[in-house]
Amino acid sequence: MSRDVTGRNVEILAWFKSSYSAGDGGQCIEVAMHPHTVQVRDSKDTNRPDLAVGSTAWTAFLGFAVNRLG
């Protein structure tokens, strides 16, 4: 745990991008696992606030996405 300039507690998260990300500046997100949530952020603007999604909702989203792409 660390503190940001506003004095809030900020956890250090391990962010990762999809292996499908080409790295050419296209639209991509990064995710980080947290005990009860998945944090999601814009990989092109990591200073913006991230979105916390419940782990159950994230699992449902992934199931939907895989079924649509498969």
PDB file of N, CA and C in Angstrom:
ATOM      1  N   MET A   1       0.853  -1.166   0.000  1.00  0.00           N
ATOM      2  CA  MET A   1       0.000   0.000   0.000  1.00  0.00           C
ATOM      3  C   MET A   1       0.895   1.223   0.000  1.00  0.00           C
ATOM      4  N   SER A   2       0.517   2.218  -0.759  1.00  0.00           N
ATOM      5  CA  SER A   2       1.259   3.470  -0.777  1.00  0.00           C
ATOM      6  C   SER A   2       0.260   4.615  -0.702  1.00  0.00           C
ATOM      7  N   ARG A   3       0.762   5.826  -0.665  1.00  0.00           N
ATOM      8  CA  ARG A   3      -0.115   6.999  -0.629  1.00  0.00           C
ATOM      9  C   ARG A   3       0.145   7.840  -1.864  1.00  0.00           C
ATOM     10  N   ASP A   4      -0.950   8.364  -2.433  1.00  0.00           N
ATOM     11  CA  ASP A   4      -0.769   9.274  -3.559  1.00  0.00           C
ATOM     12  C   ASP A   4      -0.641  10.695  -3.041  1.00  0.00           C
ATOM     13  N   VAL A   5      -0.527  11.665  -3.914  1.00  0.00           N
ATOM     14  CA  VAL A   5      -0.291  13.049  -3.497  1.00  0.00           C
ATOM     15  C   VAL A   5      -1.454  13.645  -2.715  1.00  0.00           C
ATOM     16  N   THR A   6      -2.653  13.063  -2.808  1.00  0.00           N
ATOM     17  CA  THR A   6      -3.792  13.589  -2.052  1.00  0.00           C
ATOM     18  C   THR A   6      -3.874  12.988  -0.656  1.00  0.00           C
ATOM     19  N   GLY A   7      -2.986  12.030  -0.361  1.00  0.00           N
ATOM     20  CA  GLY A   7      -2.992  11.406   0.951  1.00  0.00           C
ATOM     21  C   GLY A   7      -3.869  10.173   1.043  1.00  0.00           C
ATOM     22  N   ARG A   8      -4.541   9.792  -0.053  1.00  0.00           N
ATOM     23  CA  ARG A   8      -5.376   8.595  -0.037  1.00  0.00           C
ATOM     24  C   ARG A   8      -4.493   7.353  -0.107  1.00  0.00           C
ATOM     25  N   ASN A   9      -4.960   6.255   0.489  1.00  0.00           N
ATOM     26  CA  ASN A   9      -4.258   4.985   0.346  1.00  0.00           C
ATOM     27  C   ASN A   9      -4.484   4.465  -1.060  1.00  0.00           C
ATOM     28  N   VAL A  10      -3.418   4.047  -1.697  1.00  0.00           N
ATOM     29  CA  VAL A  10      -3.489   3.536  -3.061  1.00  0.00           C
ATOM     30  C   VAL A  10      -2.758   2.205  -3.095  1.00  0.00           C
ATOM     31  N   GLU A  11      -3.458   1.169  -3.507  1.00  0.00           N
ATOM     32  CA  GLU A  11      -2.812  -0.128  -3.619  1.00  0.00           C
ATOM     33  C   GLU A  11      -2.027  -0.202  -4.919  1.00  0.00           C
ATOM     34  N   ILE A  12      -0.943  -0.920  -4.881  1.00  0.00           N
ATOM     35  CA  ILE A  12      -0.157  -1.180  -6.069  1.00  0.00           C
ATOM     36  C   ILE A  12      -0.778  -2.396  -6.746  1.00  0.00           C
ATOM     37  N   LEU A  13      -1.299  -2.217  -7.940  1.00  0.00           N
ATOM     38  CA  LEU A  13      -1.939  -3.301  -8.670  1.00  0.00           C
ATOM     39  C   LEU A  13      -1.062  -3.744  -9.827  1.00  0.00           C
ATOM     40  N   ALA A  14      -1.137  -5.006 -10.182  1.00  0.00           N
ATOM     41  CA  ALA A  14      -0.401  -5.553 -11.321  1.00  0.00           C
ATOM     42  C   ALA A  14      -1.324  -5.502 -12.543  1.00  0.00           C
ATOM     43  N   TRP A  15      -1.146  -4.492 -13.377  1.00  0.00           N
ATOM     44  CA  TRP A  15      -1.979  -4.296 -14.565  1.00  0.00           C
ATOM     45  C   TRP A  15      -1.440  -5.121 -15.724  1.00  0.00           C
ATOM     46  N   PHE A  16      -2.347  -5.650 -16.551  1.00  0.00           N
ATOM     47  CA  PHE A  16      -1.915  -6.360 -17.754  1.00  0.00           C
ATOM     48  C   PHE A  16      -2.901  -6.125 -18.889  1.00  0.00           C
ATOM     49  N   LYS A  17      -2.381  -6.210 -20.105  1.00  0.00           N
ATOM     50  CA  LYS A  17      -3.176  -6.048 -21.319  1.00  0.00           C
ATOM     51  C   LYS A  17      -3.424  -7.409 -21.941  1.00  0.00           C
ATOM     52  N   SER A  18      -4.425  -7.471 -22.764  1.00  0.00           N
ATOM     53  CA  SER A  18      -4.721  -8.688 -23.506  1.00  0.00           C
ATOM     54  C   SER A  18      -3.569  -9.045 -24.436  1.00  0.00           C
ATOM     55  N   SER A  19      -3.369 -10.320 -24.642  1.00  0.00           N
ATOM     56  CA  SER A  19      -2.350 -10.758 -25.601  1.00  0.00           C
ATOM     57  C   SER A  19      -2.762 -10.409 -27.029  1.00  0.00           C
ATOM     58  N   TYR A  20      -4.034 -10.058 -27.221  1.00  0.00           N
ATOM     59  CA  TYR A  20      -4.518  -9.647 -28.538  1.00  0.00           C
ATOM     60  C   TYR A  20      -4.203  -8.187 -28.843  1.00  0.00           C
ATOM     61  N   SER A  21      -3.709  -7.445 -27.855  1.00  0.00           N
ATOM     62  CA  SER A  21      -3.385  -6.040 -28.044  1.00  0.00           C
ATOM     63  C   SER A  21      -2.162  -5.920 -28.954  1.00  0.00           C
ATOM     64  N   ALA A  22      -2.314  -5.158 -30.034  1.00  0.00           N
ATOM     65  CA  ALA A  22      -1.233  -5.032 -31.018  1.00  0.00           C
ATOM     66  C   ALA A  22      -0.164  -4.037 -30.582  1.00  0.00           C
ATOM     67  N   GLY A  23      -0.469  -3.174 -29.620  1.00  0.00           N
ATOM     68  CA  GLY A  23       0.511  -2.192 -29.181  1.00  0.00           C
ATOM     69  C   GLY A  23       0.704  -1.044 -30.150  1.00  0.00           C
ATOM     70  N   ASP A  24      -0.211  -0.892 -31.107  1.00  0.00           N
ATOM     71  CA  ASP A  24      -0.080   0.169 -32.115  1.00  0.00           C
ATOM     72  C   ASP A  24      -0.905   1.403 -31.768  1.00  0.00           C
ATOM     73  N   GLY A  25      -1.311   1.536 -30.511  1.00  0.00           N
ATOM     74  CA  GLY A  25      -2.067   2.706 -30.099  1.00  0.00           C
ATOM     75  C   GLY A  25      -3.560   2.566 -30.309  1.00  0.00           C
ATOM     76  N   GLY A  26      -4.007   1.362 -30.666  1.00  0.00           N
ATOM     77  CA  GLY A  26      -5.434   1.124 -30.846  1.00  0.00           C
ATOM     78  C   GLY A  26      -6.170   1.134 -29.527  1.00  0.00           C
ATOM     79  N   GLN A  27      -7.416   0.832 -29.589  1.00  0.00           N
ATOM     80  CA  GLN A  27      -8.225   0.841 -28.380  1.00  0.00           C
ATOM     81  C   GLN A  27      -7.994  -0.429 -27.585  1.00  0.00           C
ATOM     82  N   CYS A  28      -7.574  -0.263 -26.354  1.00  0.00           N
ATOM     83  CA  CYS A  28      -7.282  -1.409 -25.510  1.00  0.00           C
ATOM     84  C   CYS A  28      -7.510  -1.031 -24.050  1.00  0.00           C
ATOM     85  N   ILE A  29      -7.790  -2.028 -23.262  1.00  0.00           N
ATOM     86  CA  ILE A  29      -7.916  -1.825 -21.825  1.00  0.00           C
ATOM     87  C   ILE A  29      -6.864  -2.650 -21.116  1.00  0.00           C
ATOM     88  N   GLU A  30      -6.634  -2.298 -19.874  1.00  0.00           N
ATOM     89  CA  GLU A  30      -5.793  -3.079 -18.984  1.00  0.00           C
ATOM     90  C   GLU A  30      -6.658  -3.509 -17.810  1.00  0.00           C
ATOM     91  N   VAL A  31      -6.351  -4.644 -17.240  1.00  0.00           N
ATOM     92  CA  VAL A  31      -7.082  -5.121 -16.072  1.00  0.00           C
ATOM     93  C   VAL A  31      -6.100  -5.484 -14.966  1.00  0.00           C
ATOM     94  N   ALA A  32      -6.584  -5.410 -13.748  1.00  0.00           N
ATOM     95  CA  ALA A  32      -5.807  -5.819 -12.576  1.00  0.00           C
ATOM     96  C   ALA A  32      -6.760  -6.555 -11.643  1.00  0.00           C
ATOM     97  N   MET A  33      -6.290  -7.657 -11.112  1.00  0.00           N
ATOM     98  CA  MET A  33      -7.108  -8.458 -10.206  1.00  0.00           C
ATOM     99  C   MET A  33      -6.995  -7.910  -8.783  1.00  0.00           C
ATOM    100  N   HIS A  34      -8.113  -7.895  -8.112  1.00  0.00           N
ATOM    101  CA  HIS A  34      -8.218  -7.461  -6.725  1.00  0.00           C
ATOM    102  C   HIS A  34      -9.024  -8.553  -6.025  1.00  0.00           C
ATOM    103  N   PRO A  35      -8.966  -8.714  -4.734  1.00  0.00           N
ATOM    104  CA  PRO A  35      -9.668  -9.841  -4.096  1.00  0.00           C
ATOM    105  C   PRO A  35     -11.148  -9.986  -4.461  1.00  0.00           C
ATOM    106  N   HIS A  36     -11.895  -8.893  -4.540  1.00  0.00           N
ATOM    107  CA  HIS A  36     -13.332  -8.999  -4.807  1.00  0.00           C
ATOM    108  C   HIS A  36     -13.762  -8.255  -6.060  1.00  0.00           C
ATOM    109  N   THR A  37     -12.821  -7.640  -6.744  1.00  0.00           N
ATOM    110  CA  THR A  37     -13.148  -6.884  -7.949  1.00  0.00           C
ATOM    111  C   THR A  37     -12.070  -7.086  -9.005  1.00  0.00           C
ATOM    112  N   VAL A  38     -12.398  -6.679 -10.206  1.00  0.00           N
ATOM    113  CA  VAL A  38     -11.432  -6.573 -11.288  1.00  0.00           C
ATOM    114  C   VAL A  38     -11.401  -5.097 -11.654  1.00  0.00           C
ATOM    115  N   GLN A  39     -10.227  -4.510 -11.621  1.00  0.00           N
ATOM    116  CA  GLN A  39     -10.074  -3.102 -11.970  1.00  0.00           C
ATOM    117  C   GLN A  39      -9.824  -3.026 -13.480  1.00  0.00           C
ATOM    118  N   VAL A  40     -10.469  -2.087 -14.154  1.00  0.00           N
ATOM    119  CA  VAL A  40     -10.349  -1.924 -15.599  1.00  0.00           C
ATOM    120  C   VAL A  40      -9.983  -0.475 -15.875  1.00  0.00           C
ATOM    121  N   ARG A  41      -9.009  -0.257 -16.780  1.00  0.00           N
ATOM    122  CA  ARG A  41      -8.641   1.114 -17.130  1.00  0.00           C
ATOM    123  C   ARG A  41      -8.261   1.195 -18.600  1.00  0.00           C
ATOM    124  N   ASP A  42      -8.251   2.412 -19.112  1.00  0.00           N
ATOM    125  CA  ASP A  42      -7.854   2.715 -20.482  1.00  0.00           C
ATOM    126  C   ASP A  42      -6.332   2.657 -20.556  1.00  0.00           C
ATOM    127  N   SER A  43      -5.799   1.804 -21.415  1.00  0.00           N
ATOM    128  CA  SER A  43      -4.345   1.647 -21.483  1.00  0.00           C
ATOM    129  C   SER A  43      -3.647   2.860 -22.089  1.00  0.00           C
ATOM    130  N   LYS A  44      -4.401   3.706 -22.795  1.00  0.00           N
ATOM    131  CA  LYS A  44      -3.796   4.892 -23.403  1.00  0.00           C
ATOM    132  C   LYS A  44      -3.776   6.086 -22.455  1.00  0.00           C
ATOM    133  N   ASP A  45      -4.559   6.029 -21.388  1.00  0.00           N
ATOM    134  CA  ASP A  45      -4.626   7.135 -20.433  1.00  0.00           C
ATOM    135  C   ASP A  45      -4.746   6.556 -19.027  1.00  0.00           C
ATOM    136  N   THR A  46      -3.648   6.052 -18.510  1.00  0.00           N
ATOM    137  CA  THR A  46      -3.663   5.356 -17.226  1.00  0.00           C
ATOM    138  C   THR A  46      -3.814   6.291 -16.022  1.00  0.00           C
ATOM    139  N   ASN A  47      -3.783   7.582 -16.239  1.00  0.00           N
ATOM    140  CA  ASN A  47      -3.979   8.527 -15.139  1.00  0.00           C
ATOM    141  C   ASN A  47      -5.449   8.754 -14.828  1.00  0.00           C
ATOM    142  N   ARG A  48      -6.328   8.357 -15.746  1.00  0.00           N
ATOM    143  CA  ARG A  48      -7.761   8.492 -15.486  1.00  0.00           C
ATOM    144  C   ARG A  48      -8.184   7.449 -14.466  1.00  0.00           C
ATOM    145  N   PRO A  49      -9.277   7.702 -13.753  1.00  0.00           N
ATOM    146  CA  PRO A  49      -9.742   6.718 -12.772  1.00  0.00           C
ATOM    147  C   PRO A  49     -10.091   5.389 -13.446  1.00  0.00           C
ATOM    148  N   ASP A  50      -9.855   4.294 -12.727  1.00  0.00           N
ATOM    149  CA  ASP A  50     -10.220   2.991 -13.261  1.00  0.00           C
ATOM    150  C   ASP A  50     -11.614   2.615 -12.779  1.00  0.00           C
ATOM    151  N   LEU A  51     -12.152   1.589 -13.382  1.00  0.00           N
ATOM    152  CA  LEU A  51     -13.492   1.099 -13.082  1.00  0.00           C
ATOM    153  C   LEU A  51     -13.363  -0.202 -12.309  1.00  0.00           C
ATOM    154  N   ALA A  52     -14.058  -0.311 -11.191  1.00  0.00           N
ATOM    155  CA  ALA A  52     -14.058  -1.547 -10.407  1.00  0.00           C
ATOM    156  C   ALA A  52     -15.304  -2.347 -10.766  1.00  0.00           C
ATOM    157  N   VAL A  53     -15.093  -3.582 -11.197  1.00  0.00           N
ATOM    158  CA  VAL A  53     -16.189  -4.470 -11.570  1.00  0.00           C
ATOM    159  C   VAL A  53     -16.159  -5.668 -10.628  1.00  0.00           C
ATOM    160  N   GLY A  54     -17.298  -6.022 -10.092  1.00  0.00           N
ATOM    161  CA  GLY A  54     -17.361  -7.188  -9.214  1.00  0.00           C
ATOM    162  C   GLY A  54     -16.887  -8.438  -9.935  1.00  0.00           C
ATOM    163  N   SER A  55     -16.253  -9.337  -9.207  1.00  0.00           N
ATOM    164  CA  SER A  55     -15.690 -10.529  -9.843  1.00  0.00           C
ATOM    165  C   SER A  55     -16.768 -11.401 -10.485  1.00  0.00           C
ATOM    166  N   THR A  56     -17.949 -11.469  -9.910  1.00  0.00           N
ATOM    167  CA  THR A  56     -19.043 -12.242 -10.510  1.00  0.00           C
ATOM    168  C   THR A  56     -19.494 -11.613 -11.818  1.00  0.00           C
ATOM    169  N   ALA A  57     -19.613 -10.301 -11.846  1.00  0.00           N
ATOM    170  CA  ALA A  57     -20.007  -9.598 -13.073  1.00  0.00           C
ATOM    171  C   ALA A  57     -18.927  -9.735 -14.143  1.00  0.00           C
ATOM    172  N   TRP A  58     -17.661  -9.687 -13.752  1.00  0.00           N
ATOM    173  CA  TRP A  58     -16.563  -9.832 -14.719  1.00  0.00           C
ATOM    174  C   TRP A  58     -16.583 -11.228 -15.346  1.00  0.00           C
ATOM    175  N   THR A  59     -16.810 -12.248 -14.521  1.00  0.00           N
ATOM    176  CA  THR A  59     -16.887 -13.618 -15.032  1.00  0.00           C
ATOM    177  C   THR A  59     -18.038 -13.756 -16.025  1.00  0.00           C
ATOM    178  N   ALA A  60     -19.184 -13.158 -15.717  1.00  0.00           N
ATOM    179  CA  ALA A  60     -20.328 -13.195 -16.633  1.00  0.00           C
ATOM    180  C   ALA A  60     -19.997 -12.474 -17.935  1.00  0.00           C
ATOM    181  N   PHE A  61     -19.327 -11.331 -17.851  1.00  0.00           N
ATOM    182  CA  PHE A  61     -18.929 -10.586 -19.043  1.00  0.00           C
ATOM    183  C   PHE A  61     -17.998 -11.419 -19.919  1.00  0.00           C
ATOM    184  N   LEU A  62     -17.002 -12.043 -19.316  1.00  0.00           N
ATOM    185  CA  LEU A  62     -16.061 -12.865 -20.093  1.00  0.00           C
ATOM    186  C   LEU A  62     -16.777 -14.026 -20.772  1.00  0.00           C
ATOM    187  N   GLY A  63     -17.706 -14.660 -20.069  1.00  0.00           N
ATOM    188  CA  GLY A  63     -18.481 -15.747 -20.674  1.00  0.00           C
ATOM    189  C   GLY A  63     -19.269 -15.261 -21.871  1.00  0.00           C
ATOM    190  N   PHE A  64     -19.886 -14.112 -21.756  1.00  0.00           N
ATOM    191  CA  PHE A  64     -20.639 -13.520 -22.864  1.00  0.00           C
ATOM    192  C   PHE A  64     -19.710 -13.200 -24.034  1.00  0.00           C
ATOM    193  N   ALA A  65     -18.562 -12.576 -23.743  1.00  0.00           N
ATOM    194  CA  ALA A  65     -17.627 -12.184 -24.800  1.00  0.00           C
ATOM    195  C   ALA A  65     -17.084 -13.405 -25.544  1.00  0.00           C
ATOM    196  N   VAL A  66     -16.739 -14.454 -24.807  1.00  0.00           N
ATOM    197  CA  VAL A  66     -16.201 -15.665 -25.439  1.00  0.00           C
ATOM    198  C   VAL A  66     -17.263 -16.310 -26.322  1.00  0.00           C
ATOM    199  N   ASN A  67     -18.493 -16.351 -25.851  1.00  0.00           N
ATOM    200  CA  ASN A  67     -19.569 -16.944 -26.645  1.00  0.00           C
ATOM    201  C   ASN A  67     -19.841 -16.141 -27.919  1.00  0.00           C
ATOM    202  N   ARG A  68     -19.722 -14.833 -27.854  1.00  0.00           N
ATOM    203  CA  ARG A  68     -19.963 -13.975 -29.024  1.00  0.00           C
ATOM    204  C   ARG A  68     -18.831 -14.094 -30.041  1.00  0.00           C
ATOM    205  N   LEU A  69     -17.601 -14.279 -29.557  1.00  0.00           N
ATOM    206  CA  LEU A  69     -16.453 -14.352 -30.460  1.00  0.00           C
ATOM    207  C   LEU A  69     -16.237 -15.763 -31.002  1.00  0.00           C
ATOM    208  N   GLY A  70     -16.689 -16.750 -30.261  1.00  0.00           N
ATOM    209  CA  GLY A  70     -16.442 -18.147 -30.622  1.00  0.00           C
ATOM    210  C   GLY A  70     -17.349 -18.633 -31.645  1.00  0.00           C
TER     211      GLY A  70
END
